[in-house]
Amino acid sequence: MSRFCSLIIIFFFVSCSTDTLSEEETLNTILGFKDIVLDNVISCAASNKDDKLVSVFLYPRPGATNIQYFETSNDLVDKNNFDNYTLHEYPLTDVFNGYLKKFEVESLNEKWVIVSFDEDGKTHLSNPIHLKQQSKPTQYLPQNIMVDASSGMPFFSWQDGLYNDTAIYFQVVSDAQGNLLSGTYTFDRTFTYYKLDNVVLNITKSTPPVLSDGNPYEFTLMGVSEDNWVNQFSIIEFELK
């Protein structure tokens, strides 16, 4: 066999192997015959304030395993076609001491993202998340939050920033050690700790503790659009008065 023919054969097998690997890494192929649950992972993404990374947040319910991250090549593809998503490995770190998690993603262009985890024998997927770090970089606006901490049930209110497409607001009250005390969602730009009158989604695992005088706390706010991009991200410290 000539050297030229040998090179062609080698190239053919290498190319086939590469194509197979790429196909195996698509979300559609990885899911295979798994029992899947759509739109059942709470997740969103925000551009970082101090670097060029994008943080993709998720709430891993107790018992969640095999947390994975998938992304498209750009945001011009069909976000609902799982063949457009490929598996990528990015650092996964704790937020609020592990109550939430986040992927730290390097992305030069805007794209669609889906995160997943396994739970009770099923694979649960998030809604598609639209990374918009260039067209709508996340605003960090702690000055937009007002707090009335004159009682043991502090009242928080806030204003939107530049963007007018925020669909829902995520609020976290945490202690000085970074432990999440309450995690709630509202459509309103107000929240009272710990009243659930206007709460539309609650990820607090148990009844949160009564806040104490003289102890520092933090209030974290995310204003999230319908495509799960964080328009506004704010953190303020407060104490009961």
C-alpha atoms as a PDB file:
ATOM      1  CA  MET A   1       0.000   0.000   0.000  1.00  0.00           C
ATOM      2  CA  SER A   2       1.355   3.393  -0.938  1.00  0.00           C
ATOM      3  CA  ARG A   3       2.127   6.038   1.660  1.00  0.00           C
ATOM      4  CA  PHE A   4      -0.474   8.316   0.044  1.00  0.00           C
ATOM      5  CA  CYS A   5      -3.232   5.691   0.485  1.00  0.00           C
ATOM      6  CA  SER A   6      -2.184   5.105   4.091  1.00  0.00           C
ATOM      7  CA  LEU A   7      -2.482   8.808   4.852  1.00  0.00           C
ATOM      8  CA  ILE A   8      -5.966   8.906   3.311  1.00  0.00           C
ATOM      9  CA  ILE A   9      -7.085   5.950   5.456  1.00  0.00           C
ATOM     10  CA  ILE A  10      -5.645   7.512   8.626  1.00  0.00           C
ATOM     11  CA  PHE A  11      -7.328  10.815   7.830  1.00  0.00           C
ATOM     12  CA  PHE A  12     -10.628   9.017   7.205  1.00  0.00           C
ATOM     13  CA  PHE A  13     -10.601   7.222  10.566  1.00  0.00           C
ATOM     14  CA  VAL A  14      -9.485  10.306  12.492  1.00  0.00           C
ATOM     15  CA  SER A  15     -12.227  12.355  10.857  1.00  0.00           C
ATOM     16  CA  CYS A  16     -14.855   9.749  11.635  1.00  0.00           C
ATOM     17  CA  SER A  17     -13.709   9.508  15.252  1.00  0.00           C
ATOM     18  CA  THR A  18     -13.857  13.288  15.649  1.00  0.00           C
ATOM     19  CA  ASP A  19     -17.334  13.477  14.132  1.00  0.00           C
ATOM     20  CA  THR A  20     -18.569  10.702  16.412  1.00  0.00           C
ATOM     21  CA  LEU A  21     -17.165  12.416  19.502  1.00  0.00           C
ATOM     22  CA  SER A  22     -18.744  15.723  18.520  1.00  0.00           C
ATOM     23  CA  GLU A  23     -22.104  14.032  17.964  1.00  0.00           C
ATOM     24  CA  GLU A  24     -21.888  12.248  21.315  1.00  0.00           C
ATOM     25  CA  GLU A  25     -21.345  15.572  23.063  1.00  0.00           C
ATOM     26  CA  THR A  26     -24.565  17.175  21.855  1.00  0.00           C
ATOM     27  CA  LEU A  27     -27.352  17.537  24.390  1.00  0.00           C
ATOM     28  CA  ASN A  28     -29.681  15.502  22.192  1.00  0.00           C
ATOM     29  CA  THR A  29     -27.292  12.566  22.029  1.00  0.00           C
ATOM     30  CA  ILE A  30     -26.326  12.677  25.700  1.00  0.00           C
ATOM     31  CA  LEU A  31     -29.982  12.600  26.701  1.00  0.00           C
ATOM     32  CA  GLY A  32     -30.458   9.516  24.524  1.00  0.00           C
ATOM     33  CA  PHE A  33     -33.214   7.388  26.007  1.00  0.00           C
ATOM     34  CA  LYS A  34     -33.143   9.110  29.398  1.00  0.00           C
ATOM     35  CA  ASP A  35     -36.335  10.082  31.152  1.00  0.00           C
ATOM     36  CA  ILE A  36     -36.202  13.897  30.957  1.00  0.00           C
ATOM     37  CA  VAL A  37     -38.150  16.693  32.610  1.00  0.00           C
ATOM     38  CA  LEU A  38     -38.189  19.988  30.715  1.00  0.00           C
ATOM     39  CA  ASP A  39     -38.061  23.447  32.272  1.00  0.00           C
ATOM     40  CA  ASN A  40     -37.472  22.088  35.762  1.00  0.00           C
ATOM     41  CA  VAL A  41     -34.134  23.599  36.819  1.00  0.00           C
ATOM     42  CA  ILE A  42     -34.194  27.116  38.267  1.00  0.00           C
ATOM     43  CA  SER A  43     -31.358  28.936  36.542  1.00  0.00           C
ATOM     44  CA  CYS A  44     -30.251  32.311  35.155  1.00  0.00           C
ATOM     45  CA  ALA A  45     -27.078  34.047  34.007  1.00  0.00           C
ATOM     46  CA  ALA A  46     -25.352  37.383  34.606  1.00  0.00           C
ATOM     47  CA  SER A  47     -22.262  39.095  33.281  1.00  0.00           C
ATOM     48  CA  ASN A  48     -19.664  39.678  35.983  1.00  0.00           C
ATOM     49  CA  LYS A  49     -18.815  43.101  37.286  1.00  0.00           C
ATOM     50  CA  ASP A  50     -15.056  42.708  37.641  1.00  0.00           C
ATOM     51  CA  ASP A  51     -14.073  40.358  34.812  1.00  0.00           C
ATOM     52  CA  LYS A  52     -15.214  39.172  31.385  1.00  0.00           C
ATOM     53  CA  LEU A  53     -16.743  35.936  32.640  1.00  0.00           C
ATOM     54  CA  VAL A  54     -20.438  35.093  32.712  1.00  0.00           C
ATOM     55  CA  SER A  55     -21.922  33.465  35.814  1.00  0.00           C
ATOM     56  CA  VAL A  56     -24.607  30.852  35.129  1.00  0.00           C
ATOM     57  CA  PHE A  57     -26.510  30.287  38.393  1.00  0.00           C
ATOM     58  CA  LEU A  58     -28.690  27.327  39.294  1.00  0.00           C
ATOM     59  CA  TYR A  59     -30.566  25.984  42.285  1.00  0.00           C
ATOM     60  CA  PRO A  60     -29.587  22.325  42.787  1.00  0.00           C
ATOM     61  CA  ARG A  61     -32.434  20.785  44.712  1.00  0.00           C
ATOM     62  CA  PRO A  62     -31.389  18.397  47.528  1.00  0.00           C
ATOM     63  CA  GLY A  63     -30.326  15.118  45.964  1.00  0.00           C
ATOM     64  CA  ALA A  64     -29.378  16.633  42.590  1.00  0.00           C
ATOM     65  CA  THR A  65     -26.355  14.989  40.955  1.00  0.00           C
ATOM     66  CA  ASN A  66     -24.440  15.142  37.669  1.00  0.00           C
ATOM     67  CA  ILE A  67     -24.831  18.879  37.111  1.00  0.00           C
ATOM     68  CA  GLN A  68     -23.925  19.666  33.480  1.00  0.00           C
ATOM     69  CA  TYR A  69     -23.610  22.704  31.259  1.00  0.00           C
ATOM     70  CA  PHE A  70     -24.496  22.897  27.535  1.00  0.00           C
ATOM     71  CA  GLU A  71     -24.183  25.828  25.153  1.00  0.00           C
ATOM     72  CA  THR A  72     -24.785  26.719  21.500  1.00  0.00           C
ATOM     73  CA  SER A  73     -22.177  28.268  19.234  1.00  0.00           C
ATOM     74  CA  ASN A  74     -24.141  31.538  18.988  1.00  0.00           C
ATOM     75  CA  ASP A  75     -27.603  32.967  19.655  1.00  0.00           C
ATOM     76  CA  LEU A  76     -28.803  32.766  16.036  1.00  0.00           C
ATOM     77  CA  VAL A  77     -29.613  29.047  16.192  1.00  0.00           C
ATOM     78  CA  ASP A  78     -32.892  27.456  17.269  1.00  0.00           C
ATOM     79  CA  LYS A  79     -32.773  27.524  21.084  1.00  0.00           C
ATOM     80  CA  ASN A  80     -35.225  24.602  21.312  1.00  0.00           C
ATOM     81  CA  ASN A  81     -33.211  22.210  19.142  1.00  0.00           C
ATOM     82  CA  PHE A  82     -31.050  20.094  21.463  1.00  0.00           C
ATOM     83  CA  ASP A  83     -28.745  19.197  18.573  1.00  0.00           C
ATOM     84  CA  ASN A  84     -27.461  22.775  18.730  1.00  0.00           C
ATOM     85  CA  TYR A  85     -26.153  22.372  22.296  1.00  0.00           C
ATOM     86  CA  THR A  86     -22.814  20.789  23.147  1.00  0.00           C
ATOM     87  CA  LEU A  87     -21.454  19.764  26.523  1.00  0.00           C
ATOM     88  CA  HIS A  88     -18.757  21.993  28.041  1.00  0.00           C
ATOM     89  CA  GLU A  89     -16.880  21.722  31.314  1.00  0.00           C
ATOM     90  CA  TYR A  90     -16.511  24.963  33.264  1.00  0.00           C
ATOM     91  CA  PRO A  91     -15.700  25.480  36.952  1.00  0.00           C
ATOM     92  CA  LEU A  92     -18.716  24.911  39.201  1.00  0.00           C
ATOM     93  CA  THR A  93     -18.563  26.829  42.463  1.00  0.00           C
ATOM     94  CA  ASP A  94     -20.741  27.339  45.512  1.00  0.00           C
ATOM     95  CA  VAL A  95     -22.959  30.364  46.092  1.00  0.00           C
ATOM     96  CA  PHE A  96     -24.406  30.972  49.563  1.00  0.00           C
ATOM     97  CA  ASN A  97     -22.277  28.088  50.841  1.00  0.00           C
ATOM     98  CA  GLY A  98     -23.650  25.652  48.296  1.00  0.00           C
ATOM     99  CA  TYR A  99     -27.327  26.543  48.498  1.00  0.00           C
ATOM    100  CA  LEU A 100     -26.902  27.713  44.890  1.00  0.00           C
ATOM    101  CA  LYS A 101     -24.213  26.830  42.366  1.00  0.00           C
ATOM    102  CA  LYS A 102     -22.715  28.713  39.441  1.00  0.00           C
ATOM    103  CA  PHE A 103     -20.662  27.969  36.362  1.00  0.00           C
ATOM    104  CA  GLU A 104     -18.019  30.556  35.477  1.00  0.00           C
ATOM    105  CA  VAL A 105     -18.128  30.729  31.692  1.00  0.00           C
ATOM    106  CA  GLU A 106     -15.782  32.297  29.167  1.00  0.00           C
ATOM    107  CA  SER A 107     -17.775  33.504  26.183  1.00  0.00           C
ATOM    108  CA  LEU A 108     -16.692  35.891  23.446  1.00  0.00           C
ATOM    109  CA  ASN A 109     -20.122  35.936  21.816  1.00  0.00           C
ATOM    110  CA  GLU A 110     -23.735  35.715  22.915  1.00  0.00           C
ATOM    111  CA  LYS A 111     -25.351  32.285  22.900  1.00  0.00           C
ATOM    112  CA  TRP A 112     -27.972  29.998  24.427  1.00  0.00           C
ATOM    113  CA  VAL A 113     -27.266  27.843  27.469  1.00  0.00           C
ATOM    114  CA  ILE A 114     -29.040  24.930  29.171  1.00  0.00           C
ATOM    115  CA  VAL A 115     -28.035  23.396  32.502  1.00  0.00           C
ATOM    116  CA  SER A 116     -29.186  20.013  33.764  1.00  0.00           C
ATOM    117  CA  PHE A 117     -28.951  17.676  36.712  1.00  0.00           C
ATOM    118  CA  ASP A 118     -30.147  14.193  37.620  1.00  0.00           C
ATOM    119  CA  GLU A 119     -32.739  13.695  40.341  1.00  0.00           C
ATOM    120  CA  ASP A 120     -34.851  10.662  41.268  1.00  0.00           C
ATOM    121  CA  GLY A 121     -33.775   8.768  38.159  1.00  0.00           C
ATOM    122  CA  LYS A 122     -34.657  11.564  35.755  1.00  0.00           C
ATOM    123  CA  THR A 123     -32.648  14.263  33.976  1.00  0.00           C
ATOM    124  CA  HIS A 124     -34.037  17.734  34.597  1.00  0.00           C
ATOM    125  CA  LEU A 125     -33.326  20.609  32.197  1.00  0.00           C
ATOM    126  CA  SER A 126     -33.505  24.359  32.607  1.00  0.00           C
ATOM    127  CA  ASN A 127     -35.230  26.691  30.196  1.00  0.00           C
ATOM    128  CA  PRO A 128     -32.830  28.040  27.566  1.00  0.00           C
ATOM    129  CA  ILE A 129     -30.805  30.916  29.014  1.00  0.00           C
ATOM    130  CA  HIS A 130     -29.830  33.746  26.688  1.00  0.00           C
ATOM    131  CA  LEU A 131     -26.346  35.072  27.403  1.00  0.00           C
ATOM    132  CA  LYS A 132     -26.462  38.805  26.598  1.00  0.00           C
ATOM    133  CA  GLN A 133     -23.194  40.039  28.064  1.00  0.00           C
ATOM    134  CA  GLN A 134     -22.538  42.324  25.094  1.00  0.00           C
ATOM    135  CA  SER A 135     -25.951  43.728  24.179  1.00  0.00           C
ATOM    136  CA  LYS A 136     -27.251  43.949  27.785  1.00  0.00           C
ATOM    137  CA  PRO A 137     -24.441  43.704  30.337  1.00  0.00           C
ATOM    138  CA  THR A 138     -25.803  43.132  33.832  1.00  0.00           C
ATOM    139  CA  GLN A 139     -26.147  46.332  35.848  1.00  0.00           C
ATOM    140  CA  TYR A 140     -24.875  46.416  39.427  1.00  0.00           C
ATOM    141  CA  LEU A 141     -27.072  48.951  41.215  1.00  0.00           C
ATOM    142  CA  PRO A 142     -27.105  48.643  45.015  1.00  0.00           C
ATOM    143  CA  GLN A 143     -28.274  52.257  45.186  1.00  0.00           C
ATOM    144  CA  ASN A 144     -31.582  51.199  43.613  1.00  0.00           C
ATOM    145  CA  ILE A 145     -32.573  49.237  46.746  1.00  0.00           C
ATOM    146  CA  MET A 146     -34.304  50.782  49.757  1.00  0.00           C
ATOM    147  CA  VAL A 147     -34.674  48.959  53.068  1.00  0.00           C
ATOM    148  CA  ASP A 148     -36.800  49.704  56.125  1.00  0.00           C
ATOM    149  CA  ALA A 149     -35.207  47.655  58.910  1.00  0.00           C
ATOM    150  CA  SER A 150     -37.066  49.297  61.793  1.00  0.00           C
ATOM    151  CA  SER A 151     -38.683  45.987  62.767  1.00  0.00           C
ATOM    152  CA  GLY A 152     -37.834  42.305  62.803  1.00  0.00           C
ATOM    153  CA  MET A 153     -39.543  42.008  59.416  1.00  0.00           C
ATOM    154  CA  PRO A 154     -37.518  44.362  57.212  1.00  0.00           C
ATOM    155  CA  PHE A 155     -39.206  45.714  54.089  1.00  0.00           C
ATOM    156  CA  PHE A 156     -37.253  45.931  50.821  1.00  0.00           C
ATOM    157  CA  SER A 157     -38.186  47.866  47.704  1.00  0.00           C
ATOM    158  CA  TRP A 158     -36.257  48.687  44.549  1.00  0.00           C
ATOM    159  CA  GLN A 159     -36.287  50.314  41.140  1.00  0.00           C
ATOM    160  CA  ASP A 160     -35.280  48.930  37.760  1.00  0.00           C
ATOM    161  CA  GLY A 161     -32.206  50.141  35.944  1.00  0.00           C
ATOM    162  CA  LEU A 162     -31.899  50.844  32.229  1.00  0.00           C
ATOM    163  CA  TYR A 163     -33.667  47.709  31.025  1.00  0.00           C
ATOM    164  CA  ASN A 164     -37.455  47.531  30.910  1.00  0.00           C
ATOM    165  CA  ASP A 165     -37.892  43.813  30.183  1.00  0.00           C
ATOM    166  CA  THR A 166     -37.404  42.388  33.681  1.00  0.00           C
ATOM    167  CA  ALA A 167     -40.065  39.725  34.231  1.00  0.00           C
ATOM    168  CA  ILE A 168     -39.366  38.470  37.772  1.00  0.00           C
ATOM    169  CA  TYR A 169     -37.235  39.350  40.800  1.00  0.00           C
ATOM    170  CA  PHE A 170     -35.192  36.949  42.925  1.00  0.00           C
ATOM    171  CA  GLN A 171     -34.445  37.998  46.513  1.00  0.00           C
ATOM    172  CA  VAL A 172     -32.061  36.418  49.017  1.00  0.00           C
ATOM    173  CA  VAL A 173     -31.568  37.353  52.660  1.00  0.00           C
ATOM    174  CA  SER A 174     -28.324  35.909  54.033  1.00  0.00           C
ATOM    175  CA  ASP A 175     -26.327  36.119  57.255  1.00  0.00           C
ATOM    176  CA  ALA A 176     -22.764  37.307  57.861  1.00  0.00           C
ATOM    177  CA  GLN A 177     -21.426  33.819  57.095  1.00  0.00           C
ATOM    178  CA  GLY A 178     -23.084  33.813  53.670  1.00  0.00           C
ATOM    179  CA  ASN A 179     -25.777  31.305  54.597  1.00  0.00           C
ATOM    180  CA  LEU A 180     -29.032  31.728  52.696  1.00  0.00           C
ATOM    181  CA  LEU A 181     -31.859  32.418  55.131  1.00  0.00           C
ATOM    182  CA  SER A 182     -34.604  32.952  52.569  1.00  0.00           C
ATOM    183  CA  GLY A 183     -34.812  32.730  48.797  1.00  0.00           C
ATOM    184  CA  THR A 184     -37.936  33.995  47.071  1.00  0.00           C
ATOM    185  CA  TYR A 185     -39.275  35.291  43.767  1.00  0.00           C
ATOM    186  CA  THR A 186     -41.804  38.077  43.250  1.00  0.00           C
ATOM    187  CA  PHE A 187     -43.291  39.891  40.298  1.00  0.00           C
ATOM    188  CA  ASP A 188     -43.428  43.002  42.490  1.00  0.00           C
ATOM    189  CA  ARG A 189     -40.532  45.295  43.276  1.00  0.00           C
ATOM    190  CA  THR A 190     -41.054  44.709  46.999  1.00  0.00           C
ATOM    191  CA  PHE A 191     -40.441  41.964  49.546  1.00  0.00           C
ATOM    192  CA  THR A 192     -40.946  41.713  53.309  1.00  0.00           C
ATOM    193  CA  TYR A 193     -38.899  39.251  55.366  1.00  0.00           C
ATOM    194  CA  TYR A 194     -40.568  36.836  55.905  1.00  0.00           C
ATOM    195  CA  LYS A 195     -43.999  37.352  54.361  1.00  0.00           C
ATOM    196  CA  LEU A 196     -45.106  35.265  51.414  1.00  0.00           C
ATOM    197  CA  ASP A 197     -48.105  37.378  50.374  1.00  0.00           C
ATOM    198  CA  ASN A 198     -46.585  38.358  47.017  1.00  0.00           C
ATOM    199  CA  VAL A 199     -44.117  35.468  46.629  1.00  0.00           C
ATOM    200  CA  VAL A 200     -44.677  33.434  43.458  1.00  0.00           C
ATOM    201  CA  LEU A 201     -41.816  30.948  43.950  1.00  0.00           C
ATOM    202  CA  ASN A 202     -40.063  29.983  47.160  1.00  0.00           C
ATOM    203  CA  ILE A 203     -36.809  28.002  47.363  1.00  0.00           C
ATOM    204  CA  THR A 204     -36.431  28.412  51.138  1.00  0.00           C
ATOM    205  CA  LYS A 205     -36.061  24.884  52.510  1.00  0.00           C
ATOM    206  CA  SER A 206     -37.382  25.580  56.003  1.00  0.00           C
ATOM    207  CA  THR A 207     -38.837  28.422  58.033  1.00  0.00           C
ATOM    208  CA  PRO A 208     -36.090  31.086  58.196  1.00  0.00           C
ATOM    209  CA  PRO A 209     -34.829  32.327  61.564  1.00  0.00           C
ATOM    210  CA  VAL A 210     -35.937  35.511  63.263  1.00  0.00           C
ATOM    211  CA  LEU A 211     -33.421  38.286  62.558  1.00  0.00           C
ATOM    212  CA  SER A 212     -31.509  39.651  65.550  1.00  0.00           C
ATOM    213  CA  ASP A 213     -30.606  43.209  66.480  1.00  0.00           C
ATOM    214  CA  GLY A 214     -26.972  44.125  65.965  1.00  0.00           C
ATOM    215  CA  ASN A 215     -26.196  41.318  63.531  1.00  0.00           C
ATOM    216  CA  PRO A 216     -25.182  42.174  59.955  1.00  0.00           C
ATOM    217  CA  TYR A 217     -27.200  40.725  57.082  1.00  0.00           C
ATOM    218  CA  GLU A 218     -27.180  41.013  53.304  1.00  0.00           C
ATOM    219  CA  PHE A 219     -29.963  41.419  50.800  1.00  0.00           C
ATOM    220  CA  THR A 220     -29.239  40.185  47.264  1.00  0.00           C
ATOM    221  CA  LEU A 221     -31.482  41.033  44.337  1.00  0.00           C
ATOM    222  CA  MET A 222     -31.570  39.720  40.774  1.00  0.00           C
ATOM    223  CA  GLY A 223     -33.940  41.187  38.205  1.00  0.00           C
ATOM    224  CA  VAL A 224     -34.396  38.493  35.552  1.00  0.00           C
ATOM    225  CA  SER A 225     -35.836  38.745  32.027  1.00  0.00           C
ATOM    226  CA  GLU A 226     -38.063  36.118  30.394  1.00  0.00           C
ATOM    227  CA  ASP A 227     -35.061  34.557  28.674  1.00  0.00           C
ATOM    228  CA  ASN A 228     -33.347  34.138  32.067  1.00  0.00           C
ATOM    229  CA  TRP A 229     -30.784  36.917  31.727  1.00  0.00           C
ATOM    230  CA  VAL A 230     -30.060  38.974  34.845  1.00  0.00           C
ATOM    231  CA  ASN A 231     -30.653  42.625  34.001  1.00  0.00           C
ATOM    232  CA  GLN A 232     -29.896  43.894  37.493  1.00  0.00           C
ATOM    233  CA  PHE A 233     -27.775  42.409  40.274  1.00  0.00           C
ATOM    234  CA  SER A 234     -27.511  44.211  43.601  1.00  0.00           C
ATOM    235  CA  ILE A 235     -26.251  43.446  47.093  1.00  0.00           C
ATOM    236  CA  ILE A 236     -26.676  45.639  50.175  1.00  0.00           C
ATOM    237  CA  GLU A 237     -25.831  45.157  53.836  1.00  0.00           C
ATOM    238  CA  PHE A 238     -28.333  45.971  56.580  1.00  0.00           C
ATOM    239  CA  GLU A 239     -28.979  45.633  60.297  1.00  0.00           C
ATOM    240  CA  LEU A 240     -32.158  45.865  62.293  1.00  0.00           C
ATOM    241  CA  LYS A 241     -32.610  49.307  63.861  1.00  0.00           C
END
